[in-house]
């Protein structure tokens, strides 16, 4: 029974690995966001740097938090708001994609485990 419980962790590990796996090639475009904040206050530029760093590291949870921080800045222009919304949508899409990949990897790992246990 102990061995079975150890094998049940395999799908969870596979899902975690899928979340941090290599990108499928499509990148999050922050260029409009960067351009819209080129003359912003230091606090906003600092939040922008957090967004860029998180996106580069593919840390989408951190990118989302930094985008929320940036969105809460006072005195945002319509261009800045739109740029934040665009990057936020890209981050959400990337998270959904990674979650889907994790589910597929978890299903594959579960199927492999079931095959091993049935032999």
C-alpha atoms as a PDB file:
ATOM      1  CA  UNK A   1       0.000   0.000   0.000  1.00  0.00           C
ATOM      2  CA  UNK A   2       2.894   2.358   0.781  1.00  0.00           C
ATOM      3  CA  UNK A   3       4.305   1.796  -2.723  1.00  0.00           C
ATOM      4  CA  UNK A   4       0.927   2.638  -4.267  1.00  0.00           C
ATOM      5  CA  UNK A   5       0.729   5.931  -2.379  1.00  0.00           C
ATOM      6  CA  UNK A   6       4.239   6.788  -3.537  1.00  0.00           C
ATOM      7  CA  UNK A   7       3.210   6.205  -7.166  1.00  0.00           C
ATOM      8  CA  UNK A   8       0.141   8.378  -6.772  1.00  0.00           C
ATOM      9  CA  UNK A   9       2.459  11.346  -6.362  1.00  0.00           C
ATOM     10  CA  UNK A  10       3.770  10.869  -9.905  1.00  0.00           C
ATOM     11  CA  UNK A  11       0.879  12.713 -11.592  1.00  0.00           C
ATOM     12  CA  UNK A  12       1.318  15.632  -9.210  1.00  0.00           C
ATOM     13  CA  UNK A  13       5.014  15.819  -9.980  1.00  0.00           C
ATOM     14  CA  UNK A  14       4.308  15.630 -13.707  1.00  0.00           C
ATOM     15  CA  UNK A  15       1.797  18.466 -13.456  1.00  0.00           C
ATOM     16  CA  UNK A  16       4.279  20.599 -11.547  1.00  0.00           C
ATOM     17  CA  UNK A  17       6.983  19.946 -14.106  1.00  0.00           C
ATOM     18  CA  UNK A  18       4.635  20.824 -16.945  1.00  0.00           C
ATOM     19  CA  UNK A  19       3.942  24.185 -15.336  1.00  0.00           C
ATOM     20  CA  UNK A  20       7.617  25.084 -15.411  1.00  0.00           C
ATOM     21  CA  UNK A  21       8.460  23.306 -18.660  1.00  0.00           C
ATOM     22  CA  UNK A  22       9.951  25.041 -21.635  1.00  0.00           C
ATOM     23  CA  UNK A  23       7.831  27.559 -23.472  1.00  0.00           C
ATOM     24  CA  UNK A  24       6.121  26.454 -26.659  1.00  0.00           C
ATOM     25  CA  UNK A  25       7.742  29.360 -28.489  1.00  0.00           C
ATOM     26  CA  UNK A  26       5.134  32.068 -28.104  1.00  0.00           C
ATOM     27  CA  UNK A  27       6.273  34.931 -25.919  1.00  0.00           C
ATOM     28  CA  UNK A  28       4.463  37.531 -23.898  1.00  0.00           C
ATOM     29  CA  UNK A  29       4.928  40.879 -25.611  1.00  0.00           C
ATOM     30  CA  UNK A  30       5.653  43.639 -23.105  1.00  0.00           C
ATOM     31  CA  UNK A  31       6.940  46.180 -25.646  1.00  0.00           C
ATOM     32  CA  UNK A  32       3.768  48.331 -25.660  1.00  0.00           C
ATOM     33  CA  UNK A  33       3.657  48.200 -21.878  1.00  0.00           C
ATOM     34  CA  UNK A  34       7.273  49.320 -21.671  1.00  0.00           C
ATOM     35  CA  UNK A  35       6.686  52.114 -24.183  1.00  0.00           C
ATOM     36  CA  UNK A  36       3.584  53.371 -22.377  1.00  0.00           C
ATOM     37  CA  UNK A  37       5.537  53.632 -19.101  1.00  0.00           C
ATOM     38  CA  UNK A  38       8.713  55.147 -20.580  1.00  0.00           C
ATOM     39  CA  UNK A  39       8.050  58.492 -18.844  1.00  0.00           C
ATOM     40  CA  UNK A  40       6.343  57.112 -15.735  1.00  0.00           C
ATOM     41  CA  UNK A  41       7.126  57.770 -12.095  1.00  0.00           C
ATOM     42  CA  UNK A  42       9.869  55.673 -10.447  1.00  0.00           C
ATOM     43  CA  UNK A  43       7.340  53.579  -8.494  1.00  0.00           C
ATOM     44  CA  UNK A  44       5.543  52.630 -11.706  1.00  0.00           C
ATOM     45  CA  UNK A  45       8.828  51.890 -13.453  1.00  0.00           C
ATOM     46  CA  UNK A  46       9.806  49.663 -10.544  1.00  0.00           C
ATOM     47  CA  UNK A  47       6.534  47.727 -10.880  1.00  0.00           C
ATOM     48  CA  UNK A  48       7.132  47.499 -14.628  1.00  0.00           C
ATOM     49  CA  UNK A  49      10.581  46.024 -13.987  1.00  0.00           C
ATOM     50  CA  UNK A  50       8.934  43.414 -11.732  1.00  0.00           C
ATOM     51  CA  UNK A  51       6.546  42.511 -14.556  1.00  0.00           C
ATOM     52  CA  UNK A  52       9.359  42.193 -17.091  1.00  0.00           C
ATOM     53  CA  UNK A  53      11.523  40.121 -14.740  1.00  0.00           C
ATOM     54  CA  UNK A  54       8.658  37.767 -13.880  1.00  0.00           C
ATOM     55  CA  UNK A  55       7.637  37.357 -17.526  1.00  0.00           C
ATOM     56  CA  UNK A  56      11.257  36.612 -18.501  1.00  0.00           C
ATOM     57  CA  UNK A  57      11.442  34.005 -15.742  1.00  0.00           C
ATOM     58  CA  UNK A  58       8.066  32.571 -16.824  1.00  0.00           C
ATOM     59  CA  UNK A  59       6.833  33.195 -13.277  1.00  0.00           C
ATOM     60  CA  UNK A  60       3.291  34.036 -14.299  1.00  0.00           C
ATOM     61  CA  UNK A  61       1.916  34.245 -10.758  1.00  0.00           C
ATOM     62  CA  UNK A  62       4.495  36.882  -9.917  1.00  0.00           C
ATOM     63  CA  UNK A  63       3.857  38.648 -13.240  1.00  0.00           C
ATOM     64  CA  UNK A  64       0.137  38.783 -12.447  1.00  0.00           C
ATOM     65  CA  UNK A  65       0.791  40.232  -9.015  1.00  0.00           C
ATOM     66  CA  UNK A  66       3.148  42.845 -10.460  1.00  0.00           C
ATOM     67  CA  UNK A  67       0.576  43.739 -13.123  1.00  0.00           C
ATOM     68  CA  UNK A  68      -2.047  44.235 -10.400  1.00  0.00           C
ATOM     69  CA  UNK A  69       0.370  46.479  -8.541  1.00  0.00           C
ATOM     70  CA  UNK A  70       1.021  48.431 -11.732  1.00  0.00           C
ATOM     71  CA  UNK A  71      -2.709  48.695 -12.467  1.00  0.00           C
ATOM     72  CA  UNK A  72      -3.300  50.199  -9.023  1.00  0.00           C
ATOM     73  CA  UNK A  73      -0.948  53.101  -9.789  1.00  0.00           C
ATOM     74  CA  UNK A  74      -2.616  56.486  -9.724  1.00  0.00           C
ATOM     75  CA  UNK A  75      -2.921  58.687 -12.763  1.00  0.00           C
ATOM     76  CA  UNK A  76      -2.633  55.995 -15.405  1.00  0.00           C
ATOM     77  CA  UNK A  77      -3.210  57.117 -18.974  1.00  0.00           C
ATOM     78  CA  UNK A  78      -5.652  55.249 -21.229  1.00  0.00           C
ATOM     79  CA  UNK A  79      -2.655  53.838 -23.162  1.00  0.00           C
ATOM     80  CA  UNK A  80      -1.099  52.545 -19.957  1.00  0.00           C
ATOM     81  CA  UNK A  81      -4.354  50.960 -18.832  1.00  0.00           C
ATOM     82  CA  UNK A  82      -4.782  49.282 -22.216  1.00  0.00           C
ATOM     83  CA  UNK A  83      -1.182  48.036 -22.213  1.00  0.00           C
ATOM     84  CA  UNK A  84      -1.665  46.564 -18.729  1.00  0.00           C
ATOM     85  CA  UNK A  85      -4.873  44.847 -19.847  1.00  0.00           C
ATOM     86  CA  UNK A  86      -3.147  43.412 -22.933  1.00  0.00           C
ATOM     87  CA  UNK A  87      -0.232  41.953 -20.988  1.00  0.00           C
ATOM     88  CA  UNK A  88      -2.583  40.684 -18.272  1.00  0.00           C
ATOM     89  CA  UNK A  89      -4.609  38.863 -20.940  1.00  0.00           C
ATOM     90  CA  UNK A  90      -1.421  37.321 -22.334  1.00  0.00           C
ATOM     91  CA  UNK A  91      -0.364  36.168 -18.857  1.00  0.00           C
ATOM     92  CA  UNK A  92      -3.809  34.636 -18.227  1.00  0.00           C
ATOM     93  CA  UNK A  93      -3.654  32.850 -21.568  1.00  0.00           C
ATOM     94  CA  UNK A  94      -0.197  31.498 -20.758  1.00  0.00           C
ATOM     95  CA  UNK A  95      -1.395  30.261 -17.329  1.00  0.00           C
ATOM     96  CA  UNK A  96      -4.377  28.525 -18.943  1.00  0.00           C
ATOM     97  CA  UNK A  97      -2.080  26.941 -21.521  1.00  0.00           C
ATOM     98  CA  UNK A  98       0.318  25.697 -18.846  1.00  0.00           C
ATOM     99  CA  UNK A  99      -2.572  24.335 -16.775  1.00  0.00           C
ATOM    100  CA  UNK A 100      -3.894  22.444 -19.794  1.00  0.00           C
ATOM    101  CA  UNK A 101      -0.440  21.007 -20.464  1.00  0.00           C
ATOM    102  CA  UNK A 102      -0.157  20.000 -16.800  1.00  0.00           C
ATOM    103  CA  UNK A 103      -3.491  18.179 -16.938  1.00  0.00           C
ATOM    104  CA  UNK A 104      -2.395  16.323 -20.072  1.00  0.00           C
ATOM    105  CA  UNK A 105       0.915  15.341 -18.463  1.00  0.00           C
ATOM    106  CA  UNK A 106      -0.892  14.267 -15.300  1.00  0.00           C
ATOM    107  CA  UNK A 107      -3.315  12.143 -17.305  1.00  0.00           C
ATOM    108  CA  UNK A 108      -0.431  10.523 -19.167  1.00  0.00           C
ATOM    109  CA  UNK A 109       1.397   9.821 -15.908  1.00  0.00           C
ATOM    110  CA  UNK A 110      -1.772   8.356 -14.382  1.00  0.00           C
ATOM    111  CA  UNK A 111      -2.336   6.151 -17.429  1.00  0.00           C
ATOM    112  CA  UNK A 112       1.284   4.964 -17.265  1.00  0.00           C
ATOM    113  CA  UNK A 113       0.894   4.211 -13.571  1.00  0.00           C
ATOM    114  CA  UNK A 114      -2.288   2.228 -14.158  1.00  0.00           C
ATOM    115  CA  UNK A 115      -0.537   0.183 -16.851  1.00  0.00           C
ATOM    116  CA  UNK A 116       2.380  -0.566 -14.499  1.00  0.00           C
ATOM    117  CA  UNK A 117       0.068  -1.571 -11.673  1.00  0.00           C
ATOM    118  CA  UNK A 118      -1.979  -3.858 -13.895  1.00  0.00           C
ATOM    119  CA  UNK A 119       1.121  -5.841 -14.951  1.00  0.00           C
END
